[in-house]
Amino acid sequence: MTNVIKQVRHELMRDTSRIQLQNQEEDMIEGRSTSDLQAPPSAAKAVGCQMERLNRLQPKGSCWYCDQPVDSVRRFCSSACRADYLEEEEEFGGDA
């Protein structure tokens, strides 16, 4: 019985972490503040660099990666497009 409780607790914690990560990605996509994120310093620095690059992009009414229409606040239509955009910026050394 104890193993079942441990397994359920582990699954709950994993699901909670996954949901928190999805919420953080949505916050980044929609440009909401990420000041409440708790991350190791190296991860925080990487996120800070990414956020700085993304904040330099002005919302233009379409996704910066695939040009799909989005509202006037968002820069990307999905977290996948945001990740692909950042990956290409790092790979090709472009300035966002």
PDB file of N, CA and C in Angstrom:
ATOM      1  N   MET A   1       0.816  -1.199   0.000  1.00  0.00           N
ATOM      2  CA  MET A   1       0.000   0.000   0.000  1.00  0.00           C
ATOM      3  C   MET A   1       0.866   1.272   0.000  1.00  0.00           C
ATOM      4  N   THR A   2       1.974   1.241   0.723  1.00  0.00           N
ATOM      5  CA  THR A   2       2.859   2.393   0.790  1.00  0.00           C
ATOM      6  C   THR A   2       3.461   2.695  -0.576  1.00  0.00           C
ATOM      7  N   ASN A   3       3.803   1.663  -1.336  1.00  0.00           N
ATOM      8  CA  ASN A   3       4.359   1.868  -2.677  1.00  0.00           C
ATOM      9  C   ASN A   3       3.355   2.534  -3.600  1.00  0.00           C
ATOM     10  N   VAL A   4       2.098   2.177  -3.461  1.00  0.00           N
ATOM     11  CA  VAL A   4       1.050   2.792  -4.282  1.00  0.00           C
ATOM     12  C   VAL A   4       0.940   4.274  -3.951  1.00  0.00           C
ATOM     13  N   ILE A   5       0.979   4.618  -2.681  1.00  0.00           N
ATOM     14  CA  ILE A   5       0.898   6.023  -2.265  1.00  0.00           C
ATOM     15  C   ILE A   5       2.099   6.793  -2.794  1.00  0.00           C
ATOM     16  N   LYS A   6       3.290   6.210  -2.691  1.00  0.00           N
ATOM     17  CA  LYS A   6       4.486   6.870  -3.212  1.00  0.00           C
ATOM     18  C   LYS A   6       4.397   7.078  -4.713  1.00  0.00           C
ATOM     19  N   GLN A   7       3.883   6.085  -5.414  1.00  0.00           N
ATOM     20  CA  GLN A   7       3.756   6.189  -6.865  1.00  0.00           C
ATOM     21  C   GLN A   7       2.763   7.288  -7.246  1.00  0.00           C
ATOM     22  N   VAL A   8       1.630   7.332  -6.563  1.00  0.00           N
ATOM     23  CA  VAL A   8       0.623   8.363  -6.845  1.00  0.00           C
ATOM     24  C   VAL A   8       1.186   9.739  -6.526  1.00  0.00           C
ATOM     25  N   ARG A   9       1.903   9.864  -5.404  1.00  0.00           N
ATOM     26  CA  ARG A   9       2.496  11.149  -5.026  1.00  0.00           C
ATOM     27  C   ARG A   9       3.508  11.588  -6.088  1.00  0.00           C
ATOM     28  N   HIS A  10       4.330  10.647  -6.558  1.00  0.00           N
ATOM     29  CA  HIS A  10       5.317  10.953  -7.598  1.00  0.00           C
ATOM     30  C   HIS A  10       4.633  11.412  -8.884  1.00  0.00           C
ATOM     31  N   GLU A  11       3.570  10.737  -9.290  1.00  0.00           N
ATOM     32  CA  GLU A  11       2.841  11.122 -10.501  1.00  0.00           C
ATOM     33  C   GLU A  11       2.207  12.493 -10.347  1.00  0.00           C
ATOM     34  N   LEU A  12       1.678  12.781  -9.168  1.00  0.00           N
ATOM     35  CA  LEU A  12       1.088  14.103  -8.919  1.00  0.00           C
ATOM     36  C   LEU A  12       2.150  15.195  -9.016  1.00  0.00           C
ATOM     37  N   MET A  13       3.297  14.957  -8.412  1.00  0.00           N
ATOM     38  CA  MET A  13       4.369  15.950  -8.464  1.00  0.00           C
ATOM     39  C   MET A  13       4.847  16.162  -9.895  1.00  0.00           C
ATOM     40  N   ARG A  14       4.962  15.081 -10.660  1.00  0.00           N
ATOM     41  CA  ARG A  14       5.387  15.188 -12.057  1.00  0.00           C
ATOM     42  C   ARG A  14       4.369  15.986 -12.866  1.00  0.00           C
ATOM     43  N   ASP A  15       3.086  15.673 -12.666  1.00  0.00           N
ATOM     44  CA  ASP A  15       2.036  16.392 -13.396  1.00  0.00           C
ATOM     45  C   ASP A  15       2.006  17.863 -13.003  1.00  0.00           C
ATOM     46  N   THR A  16       2.197  18.156 -11.723  1.00  0.00           N
ATOM     47  CA  THR A  16       2.211  19.539 -11.259  1.00  0.00           C
ATOM     48  C   THR A  16       3.377  20.295 -11.885  1.00  0.00           C
ATOM     49  N   SER A  17       4.538  19.659 -11.938  1.00  0.00           N
ATOM     50  CA  SER A  17       5.702  20.295 -12.556  1.00  0.00           C
ATOM     51  C   SER A  17       5.462  20.556 -14.030  1.00  0.00           C
ATOM     52  N   ARG A  18       4.844  19.611 -14.716  1.00  0.00           N
ATOM     53  CA  ARG A  18       4.557  19.769 -16.147  1.00  0.00           C
ATOM     54  C   ARG A  18       3.594  20.934 -16.365  1.00  0.00           C
ATOM     55  N   ILE A  19       2.576  21.029 -15.533  1.00  0.00           N
ATOM     56  CA  ILE A  19       1.596  22.118 -15.657  1.00  0.00           C
ATOM     57  C   ILE A  19       2.266  23.458 -15.381  1.00  0.00           C
ATOM     58  N   GLN A  20       3.121  23.529 -14.367  1.00  0.00           N
ATOM     59  CA  GLN A  20       3.819  24.775 -14.065  1.00  0.00           C
ATOM     60  C   GLN A  20       4.708  25.193 -15.230  1.00  0.00           C
ATOM     61  N   LEU A  21       5.393  24.238 -15.847  1.00  0.00           N
ATOM     62  CA  LEU A  21       6.238  24.538 -16.994  1.00  0.00           C
ATOM     63  C   LEU A  21       5.406  25.058 -18.167  1.00  0.00           C
ATOM     64  N   GLN A  22       4.257  24.447 -18.417  1.00  0.00           N
ATOM     65  CA  GLN A  22       3.378  24.908 -19.492  1.00  0.00           C
ATOM     66  C   GLN A  22       2.894  26.326 -19.208  1.00  0.00           C
ATOM     67  N   ASN A  23       2.546  26.608 -17.959  1.00  0.00           N
ATOM     68  CA  ASN A  23       2.093  27.950 -17.600  1.00  0.00           C
ATOM     69  C   ASN A  23       3.204  28.972 -17.799  1.00  0.00           C
ATOM     70  N   GLN A  24       4.430  28.607 -17.441  1.00  0.00           N
ATOM     71  CA  GLN A  24       5.557  29.511 -17.628  1.00  0.00           C
ATOM     72  C   GLN A  24       5.796  29.778 -19.109  1.00  0.00           C
ATOM     73  N   GLU A  25       5.675  28.744 -19.942  1.00  0.00           N
ATOM     74  CA  GLU A  25       5.840  28.939 -21.381  1.00  0.00           C
ATOM     75  C   GLU A  25       4.767  29.865 -21.929  1.00  0.00           C
ATOM     76  N   GLU A  26       3.535  29.678 -21.486  1.00  0.00           N
ATOM     77  CA  GLU A  26       2.449  30.554 -21.933  1.00  0.00           C
ATOM     78  C   GLU A  26       2.696  31.991 -21.484  1.00  0.00           C
ATOM     79  N   ASP A  27       3.186  32.172 -20.254  1.00  0.00           N
ATOM     80  CA  ASP A  27       3.499  33.515 -19.768  1.00  0.00           C
ATOM     81  C   ASP A  27       4.549  34.170 -20.648  1.00  0.00           C
ATOM     82  N   MET A  28       5.563  33.387 -21.042  1.00  0.00           N
ATOM     83  CA  MET A  28       6.604  33.943 -21.897  1.00  0.00           C
ATOM     84  C   MET A  28       6.058  34.285 -23.276  1.00  0.00           C
ATOM     85  N   ILE A  29       5.200  33.435 -23.812  1.00  0.00           N
ATOM     86  CA  ILE A  29       4.611  33.686 -25.125  1.00  0.00           C
ATOM     87  C   ILE A  29       3.778  34.955 -25.088  1.00  0.00           C
ATOM     88  N   GLU A  30       3.020  35.121 -24.031  1.00  0.00           N
ATOM     89  CA  GLU A  30       2.111  36.257 -23.941  1.00  0.00           C
ATOM     90  C   GLU A  30       2.774  37.487 -23.344  1.00  0.00           C
ATOM     91  N   GLY A  31       4.044  37.394 -23.007  1.00  0.00           N
ATOM     92  CA  GLY A  31       4.773  38.563 -22.538  1.00  0.00           C
ATOM     93  C   GLY A  31       4.495  38.934 -21.097  1.00  0.00           C
ATOM     94  N   ARG A  32       3.934  38.021 -20.323  1.00  0.00           N
ATOM     95  CA  ARG A  32       3.688  38.322 -18.915  1.00  0.00           C
ATOM     96  C   ARG A  32       4.991  38.209 -18.149  1.00  0.00           C
ATOM     97  N   SER A  33       5.030  38.811 -16.971  1.00  0.00           N
ATOM     98  CA  SER A  33       6.221  38.821 -16.135  1.00  0.00           C
ATOM     99  C   SER A  33       6.606  37.415 -15.710  1.00  0.00           C
ATOM    100  N   THR A  34       7.913  37.154 -15.688  1.00  0.00           N
ATOM    101  CA  THR A  34       8.412  35.860 -15.225  1.00  0.00           C
ATOM    102  C   THR A  34       9.256  36.041 -13.976  1.00  0.00           C
ATOM    103  N   SER A  35       9.025  37.118 -13.226  1.00  0.00           N
ATOM    104  CA  SER A  35       9.851  37.394 -12.051  1.00  0.00           C
ATOM    105  C   SER A  35       9.661  36.379 -10.944  1.00  0.00           C
ATOM    106  N   ASP A  36       8.571  35.614 -10.972  1.00  0.00           N
ATOM    107  CA  ASP A  36       8.334  34.643  -9.919  1.00  0.00           C
ATOM    108  C   ASP A  36       8.946  33.278 -10.223  1.00  0.00           C
ATOM    109  N   LEU A  37       9.660  33.139 -11.353  1.00  0.00           N
ATOM    110  CA  LEU A  37      10.285  31.862 -11.690  1.00  0.00           C
ATOM    111  C   LEU A  37      11.433  31.573 -10.740  1.00  0.00           C
ATOM    112  N   GLN A  38      11.521  30.352 -10.287  1.00  0.00           N
ATOM    113  CA  GLN A  38      12.624  29.918  -9.442  1.00  0.00           C
ATOM    114  C   GLN A  38      13.485  28.981 -10.274  1.00  0.00           C
ATOM    115  N   ALA A  39      14.685  29.398 -10.635  1.00  0.00           N
ATOM    116  CA  ALA A  39      15.550  28.582 -11.468  1.00  0.00           C
ATOM    117  C   ALA A  39      16.987  28.721 -10.995  1.00  0.00           C
ATOM    118  N   PRO A  40      17.820  27.742 -11.292  1.00  0.00           N
ATOM    119  CA  PRO A  40      19.239  27.868 -10.961  1.00  0.00           C
ATOM    120  C   PRO A  40      19.831  29.073 -11.685  1.00  0.00           C
ATOM    121  N   PRO A  41      20.896  29.667 -11.157  1.00  0.00           N
ATOM    122  CA  PRO A  41      21.465  30.883 -11.774  1.00  0.00           C
ATOM    123  C   PRO A  41      21.804  30.723 -13.250  1.00  0.00           C
ATOM    124  N   SER A  42      22.385  29.591 -13.650  1.00  0.00           N
ATOM    125  CA  SER A  42      22.737  29.426 -15.064  1.00  0.00           C
ATOM    126  C   SER A  42      21.490  29.355 -15.933  1.00  0.00           C
ATOM    127  N   ALA A  43      20.455  28.666 -15.444  1.00  0.00           N
ATOM    128  CA  ALA A  43      19.201  28.593 -16.190  1.00  0.00           C
ATOM    129  C   ALA A  43      18.533  29.952 -16.216  1.00  0.00           C
ATOM    130  N   ALA A  44      18.600  30.662 -15.103  1.00  0.00           N
ATOM    131  CA  ALA A  44      17.998  31.995 -15.043  1.00  0.00           C
ATOM    132  C   ALA A  44      18.700  32.939 -16.011  1.00  0.00           C
ATOM    133  N   LYS A  45      20.013  32.803 -16.129  1.00  0.00           N
ATOM    134  CA  LYS A  45      20.759  33.646 -17.065  1.00  0.00           C
ATOM    135  C   LYS A  45      20.360  33.348 -18.502  1.00  0.00           C
ATOM    136  N   ALA A  46      20.219  32.049 -18.827  1.00  0.00           N
ATOM    137  CA  ALA A  46      19.806  31.660 -20.180  1.00  0.00           C
ATOM    138  C   ALA A  46      18.413  32.173 -20.489  1.00  0.00           C
ATOM    139  N   VAL A  47      17.498  32.028 -19.531  1.00  0.00           N
ATOM    140  CA  VAL A  47      16.134  32.522 -19.718  1.00  0.00           C
ATOM    141  C   VAL A  47      16.155  34.031 -19.846  1.00  0.00           C
ATOM    142  N   GLY A  48      17.009  34.691 -19.061  1.00  0.00           N
ATOM    143  CA  GLY A  48      17.116  36.152 -19.138  1.00  0.00           C
ATOM    144  C   GLY A  48      17.560  36.612 -20.511  1.00  0.00           C
ATOM    145  N   CYS A  49      18.540  35.913 -21.097  1.00  0.00           N
ATOM    146  CA  CYS A  49      19.021  36.257 -22.444  1.00  0.00           C
ATOM    147  C   CYS A  49      17.917  36.044 -23.470  1.00  0.00           C
ATOM    148  N   GLN A  50      17.203  34.925 -23.340  1.00  0.00           N
ATOM    149  CA  GLN A  50      16.114  34.652 -24.266  1.00  0.00           C
ATOM    150  C   GLN A  50      15.017  35.698 -24.120  1.00  0.00           C
ATOM    151  N   MET A  51      14.678  36.037 -22.890  1.00  0.00           N
ATOM    152  CA  MET A  51      13.618  37.027 -22.673  1.00  0.00           C
ATOM    153  C   MET A  51      14.040  38.393 -23.221  1.00  0.00           C
ATOM    154  N   GLU A  52      15.324  38.726 -23.064  1.00  0.00           N
ATOM    155  CA  GLU A  52      15.810  39.997 -23.589  1.00  0.00           C
ATOM    156  C   GLU A  52      15.654  40.045 -25.110  1.00  0.00           C
ATOM    157  N   ARG A  53      16.026  38.936 -25.770  1.00  0.00           N
ATOM    158  CA  ARG A  53      15.879  38.873 -27.232  1.00  0.00           C
ATOM    159  C   ARG A  53      14.409  38.949 -27.635  1.00  0.00           C
ATOM    160  N   LEU A  54      13.553  38.239 -26.905  1.00  0.00           N
ATOM    161  CA  LEU A  54      12.133  38.231 -27.250  1.00  0.00           C
ATOM    162  C   LEU A  54      11.497  39.581 -26.982  1.00  0.00           C
ATOM    163  N   ASN A  55      11.919  40.256 -25.922  1.00  0.00           N
ATOM    164  CA  ASN A  55      11.341  41.565 -25.603  1.00  0.00           C
ATOM    165  C   ASN A  55      11.715  42.619 -26.628  1.00  0.00           C
ATOM    166  N   ARG A  56      12.835  42.417 -27.337  1.00  0.00           N
ATOM    167  CA  ARG A  56      13.203  43.363 -28.389  1.00  0.00           C
ATOM    168  C   ARG A  56      12.286  43.249 -29.607  1.00  0.00           C
ATOM    169  N   LEU A  57      11.622  42.100 -29.748  1.00  0.00           N
ATOM    170  CA  LEU A  57      10.676  41.922 -30.852  1.00  0.00           C
ATOM    171  C   LEU A  57       9.380  42.646 -30.520  1.00  0.00           C
ATOM    172  N   GLN A  58       8.940  43.467 -31.411  1.00  0.00           N
ATOM    173  CA  GLN A  58       7.672  44.157 -31.208  1.00  0.00           C
ATOM    174  C   GLN A  58       6.538  43.291 -31.732  1.00  0.00           C
ATOM    175  N   PRO A  59       5.442  43.149 -30.970  1.00  0.00           N
ATOM    176  CA  PRO A  59       4.298  42.401 -31.508  1.00  0.00           C
ATOM    177  C   PRO A  59       3.852  43.043 -32.814  1.00  0.00           C
ATOM    178  N   LYS A  60       3.602  42.216 -33.831  1.00  0.00           N
ATOM    179  CA  LYS A  60       3.275  42.773 -35.140  1.00  0.00           C
ATOM    180  C   LYS A  60       1.965  42.234 -35.711  1.00  0.00           C
ATOM    181  N   GLY A  61       1.252  41.422 -34.903  1.00  0.00           N
ATOM    182  CA  GLY A  61      -0.012  40.879 -35.389  1.00  0.00           C
ATOM    183  C   GLY A  61       0.121  39.535 -36.074  1.00  0.00           C
ATOM    184  N   SER A  62       1.362  39.054 -36.201  1.00  0.00           N
ATOM    185  CA  SER A  62       1.584  37.721 -36.763  1.00  0.00           C
ATOM    186  C   SER A  62       2.795  37.108 -36.068  1.00  0.00           C
ATOM    187  N   CYS A  63       2.867  35.803 -36.114  1.00  0.00           N
ATOM    188  CA  CYS A  63       3.964  35.056 -35.489  1.00  0.00           C
ATOM    189  C   CYS A  63       5.287  35.437 -36.154  1.00  0.00           C
ATOM    190  N   TRP A  64       6.304  35.691 -35.361  1.00  0.00           N
ATOM    191  CA  TRP A  64       7.607  36.052 -35.893  1.00  0.00           C
ATOM    192  C   TRP A  64       8.275  34.877 -36.588  1.00  0.00           C
ATOM    193  N   TYR A  65       7.810  33.649 -36.352  1.00  0.00           N
ATOM    194  CA  TYR A  65       8.442  32.482 -36.968  1.00  0.00           C
ATOM    195  C   TYR A  65       7.681  32.007 -38.200  1.00  0.00           C
ATOM    196  N   CYS A  66       6.356  31.827 -38.075  1.00  0.00           N
ATOM    197  CA  CYS A  66       5.610  31.221 -39.189  1.00  0.00           C
ATOM    198  C   CYS A  66       4.622  32.189 -39.848  1.00  0.00           C
ATOM    199  N   ASP A  67       4.533  33.414 -39.358  1.00  0.00           N
ATOM    200  CA  ASP A  67       3.649  34.447 -39.897  1.00  0.00           C
ATOM    201  C   ASP A  67       2.158  34.139 -39.760  1.00  0.00           C
ATOM    202  N   GLN A  68       1.808  33.206 -38.889  1.00  0.00           N
ATOM    203  CA  GLN A  68       0.389  32.941 -38.620  1.00  0.00           C
ATOM    204  C   GLN A  68      -0.174  34.126 -37.829  1.00  0.00           C
ATOM    205  N   PRO A  69      -1.386  34.574 -38.138  1.00  0.00           N
ATOM    206  CA  PRO A  69      -1.960  35.706 -37.406  1.00  0.00           C
ATOM    207  C   PRO A  69      -2.108  35.411 -35.910  1.00  0.00           C
ATOM    208  N   VAL A  70      -1.725  36.396 -35.088  1.00  0.00           N
ATOM    209  CA  VAL A  70      -1.912  36.335 -33.635  1.00  0.00           C
ATOM    210  C   VAL A  70      -2.453  37.679 -33.178  1.00  0.00           C
ATOM    211  N   ASP A  71      -2.865  37.756 -31.915  1.00  0.00           N
ATOM    212  CA  ASP A  71      -3.407  39.027 -31.429  1.00  0.00           C
ATOM    213  C   ASP A  71      -2.289  40.072 -31.322  1.00  0.00           C
ATOM    214  N   SER A  72      -2.649  41.278 -30.961  1.00  0.00           N
ATOM    215  CA  SER A  72      -1.702  42.391 -30.989  1.00  0.00           C
ATOM    216  C   SER A  72      -0.724  42.399 -29.820  1.00  0.00           C
ATOM    217  N   VAL A  73      -0.806  41.428 -28.924  1.00  0.00           N
ATOM    218  CA  VAL A  73       0.085  41.373 -27.774  1.00  0.00           C
ATOM    219  C   VAL A  73       1.130  40.276 -27.932  1.00  0.00           C
ATOM    220  N   ARG A  74       0.751  39.188 -28.555  1.00  0.00           N
ATOM    221  CA  ARG A  74       1.638  38.034 -28.673  1.00  0.00           C
ATOM    222  C   ARG A  74       2.638  38.198 -29.804  1.00  0.00           C
ATOM    223  N   ARG A  75       3.780  37.530 -29.648  1.00  0.00           N
ATOM    224  CA  ARG A  75       4.818  37.559 -30.666  1.00  0.00           C
ATOM    225  C   ARG A  75       4.871  36.261 -31.459  1.00  0.00           C
ATOM    226  N   PHE A  76       4.417  35.161 -30.818  1.00  0.00           N
ATOM    227  CA  PHE A  76       4.449  33.841 -31.435  1.00  0.00           C
ATOM    228  C   PHE A  76       3.103  33.161 -31.250  1.00  0.00           C
ATOM    229  N   CYS A  77       2.770  32.260 -32.163  1.00  0.00           N
ATOM    230  CA  CYS A  77       1.490  31.562 -32.082  1.00  0.00           C
ATOM    231  C   CYS A  77       1.556  30.368 -31.134  1.00  0.00           C
ATOM    232  N   SER A  78       2.756  29.854 -30.854  1.00  0.00           N
ATOM    233  CA  SER A  78       2.884  28.702 -29.956  1.00  0.00           C
ATOM    234  C   SER A  78       4.279  28.676 -29.348  1.00  0.00           C
ATOM    235  N   SER A  79       4.417  27.858 -28.322  1.00  0.00           N
ATOM    236  CA  SER A  79       5.735  27.715 -27.700  1.00  0.00           C
ATOM    237  C   SER A  79       6.714  27.024 -28.653  1.00  0.00           C
ATOM    238  N   ALA A  80       6.200  26.187 -29.553  1.00  0.00           N
ATOM    239  CA  ALA A  80       7.063  25.518 -30.530  1.00  0.00           C
ATOM    240  C   ALA A  80       7.674  26.544 -31.480  1.00  0.00           C
ATOM    241  N   CYS A  81       6.868  27.488 -31.952  1.00  0.00           N
ATOM    242  CA  CYS A  81       7.402  28.530 -32.841  1.00  0.00           C
ATOM    243  C   CYS A  81       8.412  29.406 -32.098  1.00  0.00           C
ATOM    244  N   ARG A  82       8.123  29.725 -30.843  1.00  0.00           N
ATOM    245  CA  ARG A  82       9.060  30.527 -30.048  1.00  0.00           C
ATOM    246  C   ARG A  82      10.392  29.786 -29.917  1.00  0.00           C
ATOM    247  N   ALA A  83      10.336  28.512 -29.576  1.00  0.00           N
ATOM    248  CA  ALA A  83      11.557  27.711 -29.406  1.00  0.00           C
ATOM    249  C   ALA A  83      12.329  27.606 -30.725  1.00  0.00           C
ATOM    250  N   ASP A  84      11.619  27.386 -31.826  1.00  0.00           N
ATOM    251  CA  ASP A  84      12.276  27.291 -33.131  1.00  0.00           C
ATOM    252  C   ASP A  84      12.921  28.619 -33.515  1.00  0.00           C
ATOM    253  N   TYR A  85      12.242  29.717 -33.240  1.00  0.00           N
ATOM    254  CA  TYR A  85      12.791  31.037 -33.538  1.00  0.00           C
ATOM    255  C   TYR A  85      14.087  31.263 -32.756  1.00  0.00           C
ATOM    256  N   LEU A  86      14.046  30.969 -31.446  1.00  0.00           N
ATOM    257  CA  LEU A  86      15.229  31.156 -30.611  1.00  0.00           C
ATOM    258  C   LEU A  86      16.372  30.239 -31.058  1.00  0.00           C
ATOM    259  N   GLU A  87      16.038  29.016 -31.432  1.00  0.00           N
ATOM    260  CA  GLU A  87      17.051  28.072 -31.890  1.00  0.00           C
ATOM    261  C   GLU A  87      17.733  28.588 -33.158  1.00  0.00           C
ATOM    262  N   GLU A  88      16.946  29.101 -34.097  1.00  0.00           N
ATOM    263  CA  GLU A  88      17.528  29.632 -35.323  1.00  0.00           C
ATOM    264  C   GLU A  88      18.365  30.878 -35.053  1.00  0.00           C
ATOM    265  N   GLU A  89      17.910  31.714 -34.121  1.00  0.00           N
ATOM    266  CA  GLU A  89      18.681  32.906 -33.786  1.00  0.00           C
ATOM    267  C   GLU A  89      20.047  32.520 -33.223  1.00  0.00           C
ATOM    268  N   GLU A  90      20.083  31.492 -32.367  1.00  0.00           N
ATOM    269  CA  GLU A  90      21.352  31.048 -31.806  1.00  0.00           C
ATOM    270  C   GLU A  90      22.211  30.384 -32.873  1.00  0.00           C
ATOM    271  N   GLU A  91      21.597  29.562 -33.708  1.00  0.00           N
ATOM    272  CA  GLU A  91      22.330  28.797 -34.714  1.00  0.00           C
ATOM    273  C   GLU A  91      22.955  29.708 -35.769  1.00  0.00           C
ATOM    274  N   PHE A  92      22.189  30.672 -36.253  1.00  0.00           N
ATOM    275  CA  PHE A  92      22.665  31.516 -37.342  1.00  0.00           C
ATOM    276  C   PHE A  92      23.221  32.842 -36.865  1.00  0.00           C
ATOM    277  N   GLY A  93      23.192  33.076 -35.557  1.00  0.00           N
ATOM    278  CA  GLY A  93      23.801  34.288 -35.022  1.00  0.00           C
ATOM    279  C   GLY A  93      23.064  35.548 -35.395  1.00  0.00           C
ATOM    280  N   GLY A  94      21.785  35.423 -35.750  1.00  0.00           N
ATOM    281  CA  GLY A  94      21.020  36.604 -36.107  1.00  0.00           C
ATOM    282  C   GLY A  94      20.717  37.459 -34.900  1.00  0.00           C
ATOM    283  N   ASP A  95      20.446  38.711 -35.140  1.00  0.00           N
ATOM    284  CA  ASP A  95      20.074  39.624 -34.065  1.00  0.00           C
ATOM    285  C   ASP A  95      18.581  39.814 -34.084  1.00  0.00           C
ATOM    286  N   ALA A  96      17.903  39.376 -33.006  1.00  0.00           N
ATOM    287  CA  ALA A  96      16.442  39.484 -32.937  1.00  0.00           C
ATOM    288  C   ALA A  96      16.015  40.915 -32.856  1.00  0.00           C
TER     289      ALA A  96
END
